[in-house]
Amino acid sequence: MNTETDIDIEEIKAAVEVLKAGGIILYPTDTVWGIGCDATNPDAVAKVYEIKRREDSKSLITLVSDIDMIGKYVKTIPEMAINLIEVNDKPMTIIYPNAMNLAPNLVAGDGSVAIRIPMSEFCRELVRRFRKPIVSTSANISGEATPALYEEISLDIINAVDWVADPYLEEGATGKSSQIIKVGLKGEVEIIRA
C-alpha cells in the first residue's frame, strides 16, 4: 500500500484537470491499471466503452474515497456491505443495489453499481481531489488479457486516452483483479469473482 509520501500531487492535479474536462485517464489502481473517467459523465463513460470495444450492457467498476462517498451514489448501503468493508484486507468491489447520481450508462440493467474503495493512497487522493467517483475498468480491449503492469498495456489503449499516469505509480498494486461481491438490502451475499 502506498504511503502519503509516495503520492505525487502534481500527477493527481493533472489527472483531475483531465477528468473535469470529460477526458479519459490511464492510471494504476490497487489492483491493475485502469481506464478511468468521471463516473457521473455519460459522454465520458461512453468513450471508455468505445476504447475498450465493450458493450455498454456490461457495467464498469467505480472508485470512491470512503463509505461516506458511497452514500451519495446508492440509495441505501446494506449493513452487510459496511461489515465487509470493515473487515476487508484485500481489494474488494461490492455491487450495491439502487444506484443514483451516476451516469446512466454506468449503472447495470437491474439498477445496481459496482463500487470499490481502493487500497491505493494515490487512487483515494485522486478521488478526494476530484470530489466525484471515478470509473475504473481494466486497461485492455474487451476479451484480451488484463495487463498487470504498464509495460503490458497495448499501444491502442495508451494512444486512445487523454492522460497517462507515470508508470512508477504502479508500485504496490496487486496486479490481480479485485474480488467482486454482490450485496442485497436484506443481507444477501453473492460472490461474483473470488
C-alpha atoms as a PDB file:
ATOM      1  CA  MET A   1       0.000   0.000   0.000  1.00  0.00           C
ATOM      2  CA  ASN A   2       1.333   3.422  -0.869  1.00  0.00           C
ATOM      3  CA  THR A   3       2.062   5.946   1.860  1.00  0.00           C
ATOM      4  CA  GLU A   4       1.296   9.657   1.910  1.00  0.00           C
ATOM      5  CA  THR A   5       4.898  10.414   0.934  1.00  0.00           C
ATOM      6  CA  ASP A   6       4.529   8.333  -2.225  1.00  0.00           C
ATOM      7  CA  ILE A   7       1.715  10.480  -3.597  1.00  0.00           C
ATOM      8  CA  ASP A   8       2.672  12.702  -6.479  1.00  0.00           C
ATOM      9  CA  ILE A   9       0.357  15.684  -6.081  1.00  0.00           C
ATOM     10  CA  GLU A  10       1.303  17.130  -9.497  1.00  0.00           C
ATOM     11  CA  GLU A  11       0.272  13.854 -11.178  1.00  0.00           C
ATOM     12  CA  ILE A  12      -3.036  13.940  -9.292  1.00  0.00           C
ATOM     13  CA  LYS A  13      -3.709  17.585 -10.208  1.00  0.00           C
ATOM     14  CA  ALA A  14      -3.041  16.840 -13.886  1.00  0.00           C
ATOM     15  CA  ALA A  15      -5.393  13.838 -13.825  1.00  0.00           C
ATOM     16  CA  VAL A  16      -8.131  15.846 -12.086  1.00  0.00           C
ATOM     17  CA  GLU A  17      -7.986  18.543 -14.782  1.00  0.00           C
ATOM     18  CA  VAL A  18      -8.452  15.904 -17.494  1.00  0.00           C
ATOM     19  CA  LEU A  19     -11.349  14.292 -15.582  1.00  0.00           C
ATOM     20  CA  LYS A  20     -13.067  17.671 -15.093  1.00  0.00           C
ATOM     21  CA  ALA A  21     -12.830  18.290 -18.853  1.00  0.00           C
ATOM     22  CA  GLY A  22     -14.592  14.970 -19.584  1.00  0.00           C
ATOM     23  CA  GLY A  23     -11.357  13.252 -20.593  1.00  0.00           C
ATOM     24  CA  ILE A  24     -10.134   9.698 -20.116  1.00  0.00           C
ATOM     25  CA  ILE A  25      -7.191   8.735 -17.919  1.00  0.00           C
ATOM     26  CA  LEU A  26      -4.980   5.648 -17.739  1.00  0.00           C
ATOM     27  CA  TYR A  27      -3.832   5.049 -14.173  1.00  0.00           C
ATOM     28  CA  PRO A  28      -2.648   2.378 -11.746  1.00  0.00           C
ATOM     29  CA  THR A  29      -5.088   1.255  -9.080  1.00  0.00           C
ATOM     30  CA  ASP A  30      -4.619  -1.023  -6.077  1.00  0.00           C
ATOM     31  CA  THR A  31      -5.211  -3.958  -8.442  1.00  0.00           C
ATOM     32  CA  VAL A  32      -4.366  -3.455 -12.137  1.00  0.00           C
ATOM     33  CA  TRP A  33      -4.018  -0.492 -14.495  1.00  0.00           C
ATOM     34  CA  GLY A  34      -7.357   1.147 -15.134  1.00  0.00           C
ATOM     35  CA  ILE A  35      -9.055   3.285 -17.734  1.00  0.00           C
ATOM     36  CA  GLY A  36     -10.957   5.988 -15.888  1.00  0.00           C
ATOM     37  CA  CYS A  37     -13.277   8.932 -16.268  1.00  0.00           C
ATOM     38  CA  ASP A  38     -15.867  10.950 -14.368  1.00  0.00           C
ATOM     39  CA  ALA A  39     -18.425   8.348 -13.273  1.00  0.00           C
ATOM     40  CA  THR A  40     -21.200  10.976 -13.438  1.00  0.00           C
ATOM     41  CA  ASN A  41     -20.490  11.987 -17.056  1.00  0.00           C
ATOM     42  CA  PRO A  42     -22.344   9.756 -19.565  1.00  0.00           C
ATOM     43  CA  ASP A  43     -20.312  11.037 -22.546  1.00  0.00           C
ATOM     44  CA  ALA A  44     -17.032  10.197 -20.808  1.00  0.00           C
ATOM     45  CA  VAL A  45     -18.362   6.760 -19.806  1.00  0.00           C
ATOM     46  CA  ALA A  46     -19.389   6.147 -23.438  1.00  0.00           C
ATOM     47  CA  LYS A  47     -15.799   6.956 -24.509  1.00  0.00           C
ATOM     48  CA  VAL A  48     -14.472   4.330 -22.073  1.00  0.00           C
ATOM     49  CA  TYR A  49     -16.775   1.670 -23.557  1.00  0.00           C
ATOM     50  CA  GLU A  50     -15.606   2.725 -27.019  1.00  0.00           C
ATOM     51  CA  ILE A  51     -11.901   2.478 -26.093  1.00  0.00           C
ATOM     52  CA  LYS A  52     -12.446  -0.985 -24.603  1.00  0.00           C
ATOM     53  CA  ARG A  53     -14.680  -2.025 -27.536  1.00  0.00           C
ATOM     54  CA  ARG A  54     -17.092  -3.270 -24.920  1.00  0.00           C
ATOM     55  CA  GLU A  55     -20.884  -3.360 -24.933  1.00  0.00           C
ATOM     56  CA  ASP A  56     -22.359  -0.870 -22.510  1.00  0.00           C
ATOM     57  CA  SER A  57     -24.616  -3.624 -21.173  1.00  0.00           C
ATOM     58  CA  LYS A  58     -21.558  -4.827 -19.193  1.00  0.00           C
ATOM     59  CA  SER A  59     -21.248  -2.356 -16.338  1.00  0.00           C
ATOM     60  CA  LEU A  60     -17.971  -0.875 -15.087  1.00  0.00           C
ATOM     61  CA  ILE A  61     -16.436  -0.540 -11.618  1.00  0.00           C
ATOM     62  CA  THR A  62     -16.422   2.836  -9.893  1.00  0.00           C
ATOM     63  CA  LEU A  63     -13.881   4.017  -7.315  1.00  0.00           C
ATOM     64  CA  VAL A  64     -14.833   6.160  -4.306  1.00  0.00           C
ATOM     65  CA  SER A  65     -12.684   7.502  -1.477  1.00  0.00           C
ATOM     66  CA  ASP A  66     -14.684   6.236   1.515  1.00  0.00           C
ATOM     67  CA  ILE A  67     -18.016   4.908   2.837  1.00  0.00           C
ATOM     68  CA  ASP A  68     -19.465   8.422   3.052  1.00  0.00           C
ATOM     69  CA  MET A  69     -18.985   8.865  -0.690  1.00  0.00           C
ATOM     70  CA  ILE A  70     -20.764   5.552  -1.366  1.00  0.00           C
ATOM     71  CA  GLY A  71     -23.814   7.030   0.386  1.00  0.00           C
ATOM     72  CA  LYS A  72     -24.053   9.754  -2.263  1.00  0.00           C
ATOM     73  CA  TYR A  73     -24.354   7.214  -5.088  1.00  0.00           C
ATOM     74  CA  VAL A  74     -26.526   4.398  -3.708  1.00  0.00           C
ATOM     75  CA  LYS A  75     -29.917   4.889  -2.039  1.00  0.00           C
ATOM     76  CA  THR A  76     -29.171   2.557   0.894  1.00  0.00           C
ATOM     77  CA  ILE A  77     -25.884   0.995   1.950  1.00  0.00           C
ATOM     78  CA  PRO A  78     -26.685  -2.536   3.146  1.00  0.00           C
ATOM     79  CA  GLU A  79     -25.359  -3.288   6.639  1.00  0.00           C
ATOM     80  CA  MET A  80     -23.602  -6.354   5.225  1.00  0.00           C
ATOM     81  CA  ALA A  81     -21.588  -4.116   2.856  1.00  0.00           C
ATOM     82  CA  ILE A  82     -20.359  -1.994   5.782  1.00  0.00           C
ATOM     83  CA  ASN A  83     -19.340  -5.152   7.652  1.00  0.00           C
ATOM     84  CA  LEU A  84     -17.439  -6.442   4.606  1.00  0.00           C
ATOM     85  CA  ILE A  85     -15.615  -3.122   4.133  1.00  0.00           C
ATOM     86  CA  GLU A  86     -14.617  -3.020   7.813  1.00  0.00           C
ATOM     87  CA  VAL A  87     -13.024  -6.500   7.790  1.00  0.00           C
ATOM     88  CA  ASN A  88     -11.641  -6.356   4.261  1.00  0.00           C
ATOM     89  CA  ASP A  89      -7.878  -6.791   3.836  1.00  0.00           C
ATOM     90  CA  LYS A  90      -7.595  -7.099   0.054  1.00  0.00           C
ATOM     91  CA  PRO A  91      -9.085  -5.223  -2.930  1.00  0.00           C
ATOM     92  CA  MET A  92     -12.842  -5.823  -2.910  1.00  0.00           C
ATOM     93  CA  THR A  93     -15.527  -4.452  -5.200  1.00  0.00           C
ATOM     94  CA  ILE A  94     -19.085  -4.533  -3.881  1.00  0.00           C
ATOM     95  CA  ILE A  95     -22.137  -4.440  -6.140  1.00  0.00           C
ATOM     96  CA  TYR A  96     -24.787  -2.279  -4.474  1.00  0.00           C
ATOM     97  CA  PRO A  97     -28.492  -2.122  -5.340  1.00  0.00           C
ATOM     98  CA  ASN A  98     -30.258   1.119  -6.281  1.00  0.00           C
ATOM     99  CA  ALA A  99     -27.534   3.324  -7.765  1.00  0.00           C
ATOM    100  CA  MET A 100     -28.196   7.060  -8.057  1.00  0.00           C
ATOM    101  CA  ASN A 101     -26.449  10.234  -9.245  1.00  0.00           C
ATOM    102  CA  LEU A 102     -24.200   8.299 -11.645  1.00  0.00           C
ATOM    103  CA  ALA A 103     -24.035   8.249 -15.440  1.00  0.00           C
ATOM    104  CA  PRO A 104     -26.979   6.068 -16.570  1.00  0.00           C
ATOM    105  CA  ASN A 105     -24.707   4.047 -18.892  1.00  0.00           C
ATOM    106  CA  LEU A 106     -22.583   3.087 -15.868  1.00  0.00           C
ATOM    107  CA  VAL A 107     -25.476   1.513 -13.976  1.00  0.00           C
ATOM    108  CA  ALA A 108     -26.402  -2.135 -14.623  1.00  0.00           C
ATOM    109  CA  GLY A 109     -29.809  -3.063 -16.034  1.00  0.00           C
ATOM    110  CA  ASP A 110     -31.039  -4.047 -12.555  1.00  0.00           C
ATOM    111  CA  GLY A 111     -30.108  -0.623 -11.140  1.00  0.00           C
ATOM    112  CA  SER A 112     -27.002  -1.860  -9.338  1.00  0.00           C
ATOM    113  CA  VAL A 113     -23.482  -0.427  -9.423  1.00  0.00           C
ATOM    114  CA  ALA A 114     -20.059  -1.924  -8.641  1.00  0.00           C
ATOM    115  CA  ILE A 115     -18.050   0.267  -6.246  1.00  0.00           C
ATOM    116  CA  ARG A 116     -14.636  -0.132  -4.640  1.00  0.00           C
ATOM    117  CA  ILE A 117     -12.775   1.898  -2.041  1.00  0.00           C
ATOM    118  CA  PRO A 118      -9.227   1.425  -3.355  1.00  0.00           C
ATOM    119  CA  MET A 119      -6.385   0.481  -1.039  1.00  0.00           C
ATOM    120  CA  SER A 120      -4.057   2.693  -3.092  1.00  0.00           C
ATOM    121  CA  GLU A 121      -3.495   6.081  -1.453  1.00  0.00           C
ATOM    122  CA  PHE A 122      -2.863   7.557  -4.920  1.00  0.00           C
ATOM    123  CA  CYS A 123      -6.347   6.467  -6.069  1.00  0.00           C
ATOM    124  CA  ARG A 124      -8.082   7.611  -2.892  1.00  0.00           C
ATOM    125  CA  GLU A 125      -6.402  11.017  -3.101  1.00  0.00           C
ATOM    126  CA  LEU A 126      -7.288  11.267  -6.789  1.00  0.00           C
ATOM    127  CA  VAL A 127     -10.972  10.646  -5.977  1.00  0.00           C
ATOM    128  CA  ARG A 128     -10.866  13.022  -2.977  1.00  0.00           C
ATOM    129  CA  ARG A 129      -9.448  15.849  -5.074  1.00  0.00           C
ATOM    130  CA  PHE A 130     -11.839  15.192  -7.967  1.00  0.00           C
ATOM    131  CA  ARG A 131     -14.715  15.066  -5.433  1.00  0.00           C
ATOM    132  CA  LYS A 132     -16.650  12.577  -7.527  1.00  0.00           C
ATOM    133  CA  PRO A 133     -16.364   8.837  -8.212  1.00  0.00           C
ATOM    134  CA  ILE A 134     -14.054   7.685 -10.995  1.00  0.00           C
ATOM    135  CA  VAL A 135     -14.617   4.793 -13.382  1.00  0.00           C
ATOM    136  CA  SER A 136     -12.033   2.022 -13.106  1.00  0.00           C
ATOM    137  CA  THR A 137     -12.045  -0.683 -15.742  1.00  0.00           C
ATOM    138  CA  SER A 138      -9.054  -2.787 -16.721  1.00  0.00           C
ATOM    139  CA  ALA A 139      -6.789  -1.199 -19.338  1.00  0.00           C
ATOM    140  CA  ASN A 140      -7.393  -3.697 -22.112  1.00  0.00           C
ATOM    141  CA  ILE A 141      -9.579  -4.244 -25.159  1.00  0.00           C
ATOM    142  CA  SER A 142     -12.560  -6.322 -24.059  1.00  0.00           C
ATOM    143  CA  GLY A 143     -11.751 -10.043 -24.266  1.00  0.00           C
ATOM    144  CA  GLU A 144      -7.974  -9.561 -24.181  1.00  0.00           C
ATOM    145  CA  ALA A 145      -5.720 -10.316 -21.185  1.00  0.00           C
ATOM    146  CA  THR A 146      -5.794  -7.834 -18.306  1.00  0.00           C
ATOM    147  CA  PRO A 147      -2.427  -6.056 -18.043  1.00  0.00           C
ATOM    148  CA  ALA A 148      -0.891  -6.261 -14.557  1.00  0.00           C
ATOM    149  CA  LEU A 149       1.918  -3.810 -15.399  1.00  0.00           C
ATOM    150  CA  TYR A 150       2.179  -0.668 -17.505  1.00  0.00           C
ATOM    151  CA  GLU A 151       4.527  -2.390 -19.962  1.00  0.00           C
ATOM    152  CA  GLU A 152       1.750  -4.898 -20.766  1.00  0.00           C
ATOM    153  CA  ILE A 153      -0.782  -2.248 -21.861  1.00  0.00           C
ATOM    154  CA  SER A 154      -1.358  -2.136 -25.620  1.00  0.00           C
ATOM    155  CA  LEU A 155      -0.488   0.998 -27.574  1.00  0.00           C
ATOM    156  CA  ASP A 156      -4.094   1.071 -28.812  1.00  0.00           C
ATOM    157  CA  ILE A 157      -5.199   1.815 -25.242  1.00  0.00           C
ATOM    158  CA  ILE A 158      -2.360   4.231 -24.440  1.00  0.00           C
ATOM    159  CA  ASN A 159      -2.989   6.241 -27.612  1.00  0.00           C
ATOM    160  CA  ALA A 160      -6.763   6.363 -27.043  1.00  0.00           C
ATOM    161  CA  VAL A 161      -6.694   8.101 -23.637  1.00  0.00           C
ATOM    162  CA  ASP A 162      -6.133  11.777 -22.812  1.00  0.00           C
ATOM    163  CA  TRP A 163      -3.684  11.361 -19.919  1.00  0.00           C
ATOM    164  CA  VAL A 164      -1.358   8.590 -18.712  1.00  0.00           C
ATOM    165  CA  ALA A 165      -0.046   8.308 -15.148  1.00  0.00           C
ATOM    166  CA  ASP A 166       3.662   7.896 -14.564  1.00  0.00           C
ATOM    167  CA  PRO A 167       4.347   4.137 -14.565  1.00  0.00           C
ATOM    168  CA  TYR A 168       6.260   4.352 -11.265  1.00  0.00           C
ATOM    169  CA  LEU A 169       2.911   4.878  -9.520  1.00  0.00           C
ATOM    170  CA  GLU A 170       2.004   1.206 -10.118  1.00  0.00           C
ATOM    171  CA  GLU A 171       4.286   0.183  -7.232  1.00  0.00           C
ATOM    172  CA  GLY A 172       2.252  -1.620  -4.572  1.00  0.00           C
ATOM    173  CA  ALA A 173      -0.552  -2.758  -6.910  1.00  0.00           C
ATOM    174  CA  THR A 174      -1.500  -6.446  -6.659  1.00  0.00           C
ATOM    175  CA  GLY A 175      -1.537  -6.997 -10.428  1.00  0.00           C
ATOM    176  CA  LYS A 176      -4.734  -9.031  -9.966  1.00  0.00           C
ATOM    177  CA  SER A 177      -8.371  -8.023 -10.419  1.00  0.00           C
ATOM    178  CA  SER A 178     -10.372  -7.385  -7.243  1.00  0.00           C
ATOM    179  CA  GLN A 179     -12.819  -9.830  -5.766  1.00  0.00           C
ATOM    180  CA  ILE A 180     -16.422  -8.869  -6.544  1.00  0.00           C
ATOM    181  CA  ILE A 181     -19.252  -9.416  -4.087  1.00  0.00           C
ATOM    182  CA  LYS A 182     -22.918  -8.570  -4.712  1.00  0.00           C
ATOM    183  CA  VAL A 183     -24.836  -7.491  -1.623  1.00  0.00           C
ATOM    184  CA  GLY A 184     -28.600  -7.182  -1.230  1.00  0.00           C
ATOM    185  CA  LEU A 185     -30.657  -4.983   1.081  1.00  0.00           C
ATOM    186  CA  LYS A 186     -31.658  -7.981   3.224  1.00  0.00           C
ATOM    187  CA  GLY A 187     -28.080  -9.146   3.781  1.00  0.00           C
ATOM    188  CA  GLU A 188     -27.877 -11.462   0.760  1.00  0.00           C
ATOM    189  CA  VAL A 189     -24.295 -12.038  -0.396  1.00  0.00           C
ATOM    190  CA  GLU A 190     -23.253 -13.478  -3.741  1.00  0.00           C
ATOM    191  CA  ILE A 191     -19.590 -13.931  -4.681  1.00  0.00           C
ATOM    192  CA  ILE A 192     -19.248 -12.909  -8.338  1.00  0.00           C
ATOM    193  CA  ARG A 193     -15.442 -13.159  -8.534  1.00  0.00           C
ATOM    194  CA  ALA A 194     -13.333 -14.613  -5.704  1.00  0.00           C
END
